[in-house]
């Protein structure tokens, strides 16, 4: 299963770990994925998408 958000399709990035002696080794930066039930379907969503969704829901409730 891919480490990718099912809402925004954002995945893990890559870069370097830099030691004190400035030696660079490859590493991956994973995203913060959470298994969550959205609209009755269980999905893997990043936490930034969850925050954005909560923000839009709160704005919609404030307008109503």
PDB file of N, CA and C in Angstrom:
ATOM      1  N   UNK A   1       0.843  -1.170   0.000  1.00  0.00           N
ATOM      2  CA  UNK A   1       0.000   0.000   0.000  1.00  0.00           C
ATOM      3  C   UNK A   1       0.895   1.242   0.000  1.00  0.00           C
ATOM      4  N   UNK A   2       0.604   2.171  -0.881  1.00  0.00           N
ATOM      5  CA  UNK A   2       1.449   3.340  -1.037  1.00  0.00           C
ATOM      6  C   UNK A   2       1.260   4.316   0.119  1.00  0.00           C
ATOM      7  N   UNK A   3       2.336   4.988   0.492  1.00  0.00           N
ATOM      8  CA  UNK A   3       2.258   6.013   1.534  1.00  0.00           C
ATOM      9  C   UNK A   3       1.880   7.326   0.864  1.00  0.00           C
ATOM     10  N   UNK A   4       0.596   7.432   0.519  1.00  0.00           N
ATOM     11  CA  UNK A   4       0.117   8.580  -0.229  1.00  0.00           C
ATOM     12  C   UNK A   4      -1.270   8.955   0.286  1.00  0.00           C
ATOM     13  N   UNK A   5      -1.528  10.249   0.397  1.00  0.00           N
ATOM     14  CA  UNK A   5      -2.833  10.728   0.844  1.00  0.00           C
ATOM     15  C   UNK A   5      -3.847  10.498  -0.271  1.00  0.00           C
ATOM     16  N   UNK A   6      -5.018   9.964   0.081  1.00  0.00           N
ATOM     17  CA  UNK A   6      -6.028   9.668  -0.920  1.00  0.00           C
ATOM     18  C   UNK A   6      -6.857  10.888  -1.296  1.00  0.00           C
ATOM     19  N   UNK A   7      -6.672  12.004  -0.592  1.00  0.00           N
ATOM     20  CA  UNK A   7      -7.401  13.229  -0.909  1.00  0.00           C
ATOM     21  C   UNK A   7      -6.562  14.143  -1.800  1.00  0.00           C
ATOM     22  N   UNK A   8      -5.365  14.495  -1.331  1.00  0.00           N
ATOM     23  CA  UNK A   8      -4.531  15.449  -2.079  1.00  0.00           C
ATOM     24  C   UNK A   8      -3.449  14.771  -2.907  1.00  0.00           C
ATOM     25  N   UNK A   9      -3.299  13.444  -2.785  1.00  0.00           N
ATOM     26  CA  UNK A   9      -2.319  12.643  -3.528  1.00  0.00           C
ATOM     27  C   UNK A   9      -0.875  13.003  -3.192  1.00  0.00           C
ATOM     28  N   UNK A  10      -0.647  13.652  -2.045  1.00  0.00           N
ATOM     29  CA  UNK A  10       0.706  14.001  -1.629  1.00  0.00           C
ATOM     30  C   UNK A  10       1.387  12.747  -1.098  1.00  0.00           C
ATOM     31  N   UNK A  11       2.647  12.560  -1.432  1.00  0.00           N
ATOM     32  CA  UNK A  11       3.393  11.388  -0.995  1.00  0.00           C
ATOM     33  C   UNK A  11       4.634  11.783  -0.220  1.00  0.00           C
ATOM     34  N   UNK A  12       5.475  10.811   0.038  1.00  0.00           N
ATOM     35  CA  UNK A  12       6.690  11.083   0.787  1.00  0.00           C
ATOM     36  C   UNK A  12       7.721  11.753  -0.107  1.00  0.00           C
ATOM     37  N   UNK A  13       8.555  12.577   0.508  1.00  0.00           N
ATOM     38  CA  UNK A  13       9.632  13.248  -0.211  1.00  0.00           C
ATOM     39  C   UNK A  13      10.961  12.627   0.162  1.00  0.00           C
ATOM     40  N   UNK A  14      12.032  13.114  -0.430  1.00  0.00           N
ATOM     41  CA  UNK A  14      13.339  12.582  -0.074  1.00  0.00           C
ATOM     42  C   UNK A  14      14.332  13.718   0.045  1.00  0.00           C
ATOM     43  N   UNK A  15      15.422  13.429   0.732  1.00  0.00           N
ATOM     44  CA  UNK A  15      16.455  14.423   0.962  1.00  0.00           C
ATOM     45  C   UNK A  15      17.659  13.759   1.592  1.00  0.00           C
ATOM     46  N   UNK A  16      18.389  14.520   2.401  1.00  0.00           N
ATOM     47  CA  UNK A  16      19.599  14.019   3.023  1.00  0.00           C
ATOM     48  C   UNK A  16      19.545  14.207   4.528  1.00  0.00           C
ATOM     49  N   UNK A  17      20.121  13.237   5.243  1.00  0.00           N
ATOM     50  CA  UNK A  17      20.462  13.420   6.634  1.00  0.00           C
ATOM     51  C   UNK A  17      21.898  13.918   6.649  1.00  0.00           C
ATOM     52  N   UNK A  18      22.138  15.031   7.327  1.00  0.00           N
ATOM     53  CA  UNK A  18      23.479  15.612   7.347  1.00  0.00           C
ATOM     54  C   UNK A  18      24.064  15.432   8.734  1.00  0.00           C
ATOM     55  N   UNK A  19      25.190  14.725   8.815  1.00  0.00           N
ATOM     56  CA  UNK A  19      25.835  14.476  10.093  1.00  0.00           C
ATOM     57  C   UNK A  19      26.664  15.692  10.514  1.00  0.00           C
ATOM     58  N   UNK A  20      27.216  15.613  11.710  1.00  0.00           N
ATOM     59  CA  UNK A  20      28.046  16.701  12.227  1.00  0.00           C
ATOM     60  C   UNK A  20      29.279  16.917  11.353  1.00  0.00           C
ATOM     61  N   UNK A  21      29.786  15.844  10.753  1.00  0.00           N
ATOM     62  CA  UNK A  21      30.956  15.958   9.872  1.00  0.00           C
ATOM     63  C   UNK A  21      30.537  16.268   8.432  1.00  0.00           C
ATOM     64  N   UNK A  22      29.269  16.637   8.235  1.00  0.00           N
ATOM     65  CA  UNK A  22      28.715  17.073   6.942  1.00  0.00           C
ATOM     66  C   UNK A  22      28.652  15.947   5.913  1.00  0.00           C
ATOM     67  N   UNK A  23      28.586  14.687   6.388  1.00  0.00           N
ATOM     68  CA  UNK A  23      28.383  13.561   5.495  1.00  0.00           C
ATOM     69  C   UNK A  23      26.891  13.447   5.229  1.00  0.00           C
ATOM     70  N   UNK A  24      26.513  13.329   3.971  1.00  0.00           N
ATOM     71  CA  UNK A  24      25.096  13.287   3.605  1.00  0.00           C
ATOM     72  C   UNK A  24      24.693  11.869   3.215  1.00  0.00           C
ATOM     73  N   UNK A  25      23.652  11.366   3.863  1.00  0.00           N
ATOM     74  CA  UNK A  25      23.098  10.065   3.513  1.00  0.00           C
ATOM     75  C   UNK A  25      21.638  10.252   3.142  1.00  0.00           C
ATOM     76  N   UNK A  26      21.161   9.444   2.213  1.00  0.00           N
ATOM     77  CA  UNK A  26      19.798   9.586   1.716  1.00  0.00           C
ATOM     78  C   UNK A  26      18.777   9.158   2.762  1.00  0.00           C
ATOM     79  N   UNK A  27      17.641   9.849   2.782  1.00  0.00           N
ATOM     80  CA  UNK A  27      16.544   9.499   3.673  1.00  0.00           C
ATOM     81  C   UNK A  27      15.237   9.932   3.033  1.00  0.00           C
ATOM     82  N   UNK A  28      14.128   9.435   3.577  1.00  0.00           N
ATOM     83  CA  UNK A  28      12.817   9.838   3.076  1.00  0.00           C
ATOM     84  C   UNK A  28      12.075  10.590   4.169  1.00  0.00           C
ATOM     85  N   UNK A  29      11.310  11.569   3.763  1.00  0.00           N
ATOM     86  CA  UNK A  29      10.459  12.320   4.670  1.00  0.00           C
ATOM     87  C   UNK A  29       9.040  11.829   4.447  1.00  0.00           C
ATOM     88  N   UNK A  30       8.521  11.082   5.417  1.00  0.00           N
ATOM     89  CA  UNK A  30       7.166  10.559   5.301  1.00  0.00           C
ATOM     90  C   UNK A  30       6.140  11.606   5.695  1.00  0.00           C
ATOM     91  N   UNK A  31       4.929  11.474   5.172  1.00  0.00           N
ATOM     92  CA  UNK A  31       3.857  12.374   5.566  1.00  0.00           C
ATOM     93  C   UNK A  31       3.066  11.728   6.686  1.00  0.00           C
ATOM     94  N   UNK A  32       2.321  12.522   7.417  1.00  0.00           N
ATOM     95  CA  UNK A  32       1.588  12.053   8.588  1.00  0.00           C
ATOM     96  C   UNK A  32       0.224  11.522   8.138  1.00  0.00           C
ATOM     97  N   UNK A  33       0.161  10.235   7.835  1.00  0.00           N
ATOM     98  CA  UNK A  33      -1.073   9.608   7.362  1.00  0.00           C
ATOM     99  C   UNK A  33      -1.863   9.024   8.526  1.00  0.00           C
ATOM    100  N   UNK A  34      -3.189   9.150   8.429  1.00  0.00           N
ATOM    101  CA  UNK A  34      -4.099   8.623   9.435  1.00  0.00           C
ATOM    102  C   UNK A  34      -5.202   7.872   8.713  1.00  0.00           C
ATOM    103  N   UNK A  35      -5.556   6.696   9.228  1.00  0.00           N
ATOM    104  CA  UNK A  35      -6.722   5.986   8.675  1.00  0.00           C
ATOM    105  C   UNK A  35      -7.958   6.586   9.294  1.00  0.00           C
ATOM    106  N   UNK A  36      -8.844   7.118   8.464  1.00  0.00           N
ATOM    107  CA  UNK A  36     -10.012   7.830   8.964  1.00  0.00           C
ATOM    108  C   UNK A  36     -11.220   7.465   8.122  1.00  0.00           C
ATOM    109  N   UNK A  37     -12.391   7.434   8.764  1.00  0.00           N
ATOM    110  CA  UNK A  37     -13.626   7.161   8.038  1.00  0.00           C
ATOM    111  C   UNK A  37     -14.245   8.496   7.638  1.00  0.00           C
ATOM    112  N   UNK A  38     -14.252   8.779   6.332  1.00  0.00           N
ATOM    113  CA  UNK A  38     -14.820  10.012   5.797  1.00  0.00           C
ATOM    114  C   UNK A  38     -15.991   9.665   4.903  1.00  0.00           C
ATOM    115  N   UNK A  39     -17.165  10.170   5.237  1.00  0.00           N
ATOM    116  CA  UNK A  39     -18.384   9.931   4.457  1.00  0.00           C
ATOM    117  C   UNK A  39     -18.679   8.440   4.307  1.00  0.00           C
ATOM    118  N   UNK A  40     -18.383   7.661   5.349  1.00  0.00           N
ATOM    119  CA  UNK A  40     -18.687   6.237   5.343  1.00  0.00           C
ATOM    120  C   UNK A  40     -17.649   5.357   4.674  1.00  0.00           C
ATOM    121  N   UNK A  41     -16.548   5.942   4.197  1.00  0.00           N
ATOM    122  CA  UNK A  41     -15.505   5.170   3.522  1.00  0.00           C
ATOM    123  C   UNK A  41     -14.200   5.345   4.293  1.00  0.00           C
ATOM    124  N   UNK A  42     -13.531   4.244   4.598  1.00  0.00           N
ATOM    125  CA  UNK A  42     -12.268   4.318   5.324  1.00  0.00           C
ATOM    126  C   UNK A  42     -11.158   4.683   4.351  1.00  0.00           C
ATOM    127  N   UNK A  43     -10.459   5.772   4.635  1.00  0.00           N
ATOM    128  CA  UNK A  43      -9.405   6.262   3.749  1.00  0.00           C
ATOM    129  C   UNK A  43      -8.147   6.573   4.536  1.00  0.00           C
ATOM    130  N   UNK A  44      -7.022   6.688   3.827  1.00  0.00           N
ATOM    131  CA  UNK A  44      -5.760   7.128   4.419  1.00  0.00           C
ATOM    132  C   UNK A  44      -5.581   8.594   4.031  1.00  0.00           C
ATOM    133  N   UNK A  45      -5.664   9.470   5.030  1.00  0.00           N
ATOM    134  CA  UNK A  45      -5.668  10.905   4.792  1.00  0.00           C
ATOM    135  C   UNK A  45      -4.549  11.547   5.597  1.00  0.00           C
ATOM    136  N   UNK A  46      -3.873  12.545   5.018  1.00  0.00           N
ATOM    137  CA  UNK A  46      -2.853  13.259   5.776  1.00  0.00           C
ATOM    138  C   UNK A  46      -3.533  14.240   6.726  1.00  0.00           C
ATOM    139  N   UNK A  47      -2.852  14.569   7.809  1.00  0.00           N
ATOM    140  CA  UNK A  47      -3.452  15.405   8.840  1.00  0.00           C
ATOM    141  C   UNK A  47      -3.692  16.824   8.352  1.00  0.00           C
ATOM    142  N   UNK A  48      -2.928  17.304   7.390  1.00  0.00           N
ATOM    143  CA  UNK A  48      -3.184  18.644   6.867  1.00  0.00           C
ATOM    144  C   UNK A  48      -4.508  18.682   6.111  1.00  0.00           C
ATOM    145  N   UNK A  49      -4.877  17.610   5.435  1.00  0.00           N
ATOM    146  CA  UNK A  49      -6.177  17.538   4.764  1.00  0.00           C
ATOM    147  C   UNK A  49      -7.312  17.478   5.782  1.00  0.00           C
ATOM    148  N   UNK A  50      -7.092  16.779   6.899  1.00  0.00           N
ATOM    149  CA  UNK A  50      -8.111  16.721   7.952  1.00  0.00           C
ATOM    150  C   UNK A  50      -8.350  18.102   8.547  1.00  0.00           C
ATOM    151  N   UNK A  51      -7.279  18.869   8.756  1.00  0.00           N
ATOM    152  CA  UNK A  51      -7.422  20.220   9.295  1.00  0.00           C
ATOM    153  C   UNK A  51      -8.165  21.122   8.319  1.00  0.00           C
ATOM    154  N   UNK A  52      -7.839  21.008   7.038  1.00  0.00           N
ATOM    155  CA  UNK A  52      -8.503  21.817   6.030  1.00  0.00           C
ATOM    156  C   UNK A  52      -9.974  21.452   5.931  1.00  0.00           C
ATOM    157  N   UNK A  53     -10.270  20.159   6.006  1.00  0.00           N
ATOM    158  CA  UNK A  53     -11.666  19.710   5.950  1.00  0.00           C
ATOM    159  C   UNK A  53     -12.457  20.245   7.142  1.00  0.00           C
ATOM    160  N   UNK A  54     -11.855  20.199   8.339  1.00  0.00           N
ATOM    161  CA  UNK A  54     -12.526  20.706   9.527  1.00  0.00           C
ATOM    162  C   UNK A  54     -12.756  22.207   9.411  1.00  0.00           C
ATOM    163  N   UNK A  55     -11.806  22.909   8.827  1.00  0.00           N
ATOM    164  CA  UNK A  55     -11.934  24.355   8.640  1.00  0.00           C
ATOM    165  C   UNK A  55     -13.099  24.675   7.716  1.00  0.00           C
ATOM    166  N   UNK A  56     -13.204  23.967   6.587  1.00  0.00           N
ATOM    167  CA  UNK A  56     -14.281  24.217   5.632  1.00  0.00           C
ATOM    168  C   UNK A  56     -15.648  23.837   6.207  1.00  0.00           C
ATOM    169  N   UNK A  57     -15.699  22.764   7.003  1.00  0.00           N
ATOM    170  CA  UNK A  57     -16.952  22.384   7.638  1.00  0.00           C
ATOM    171  C   UNK A  57     -17.397  23.437   8.655  1.00  0.00           C
ATOM    172  N   UNK A  58     -16.438  23.989   9.407  1.00  0.00           N
ATOM    173  CA  UNK A  58     -16.774  25.011  10.392  1.00  0.00           C
ATOM    174  C   UNK A  58     -17.256  26.291   9.717  1.00  0.00           C
ATOM    175  N   UNK A  59     -16.645  26.649   8.587  1.00  0.00           N
ATOM    176  CA  UNK A  59     -17.088  27.830   7.845  1.00  0.00           C
ATOM    177  C   UNK A  59     -18.487  27.636   7.287  1.00  0.00           C
ATOM    178  N   UNK A  60     -18.772  26.436   6.810  1.00  0.00           N
ATOM    179  CA  UNK A  60     -20.105  26.153   6.253  1.00  0.00           C
ATOM    180  C   UNK A  60     -21.160  26.207   7.344  1.00  0.00           C
ATOM    181  N   UNK A  61     -20.842  25.718   8.549  1.00  0.00           N
ATOM    182  CA  UNK A  61     -21.794  25.766   9.647  1.00  0.00           C
ATOM    183  C   UNK A  61     -22.008  27.194  10.146  1.00  0.00           C
ATOM    184  N   UNK A  62     -20.962  28.014  10.069  1.00  0.00           N
ATOM    185  CA  UNK A  62     -21.081  29.410  10.518  1.00  0.00           C
ATOM    186  C   UNK A  62     -21.987  30.206   9.562  1.00  0.00           C
ATOM    187  N   UNK A  63     -21.938  29.883   8.281  1.00  0.00           N
ATOM    188  CA  UNK A  63     -22.765  30.582   7.299  1.00  0.00           C
ATOM    189  C   UNK A  63     -24.237  30.171   7.408  1.00  0.00           C
ATOM    190  N   UNK A  64     -24.458  28.908   7.808  1.00  0.00           N
ATOM    191  CA  UNK A  64     -25.842  28.397   7.883  1.00  0.00           C
ATOM    192  C   UNK A  64     -26.571  28.847   9.123  1.00  0.00           C
TER     193      UNK A  64
END
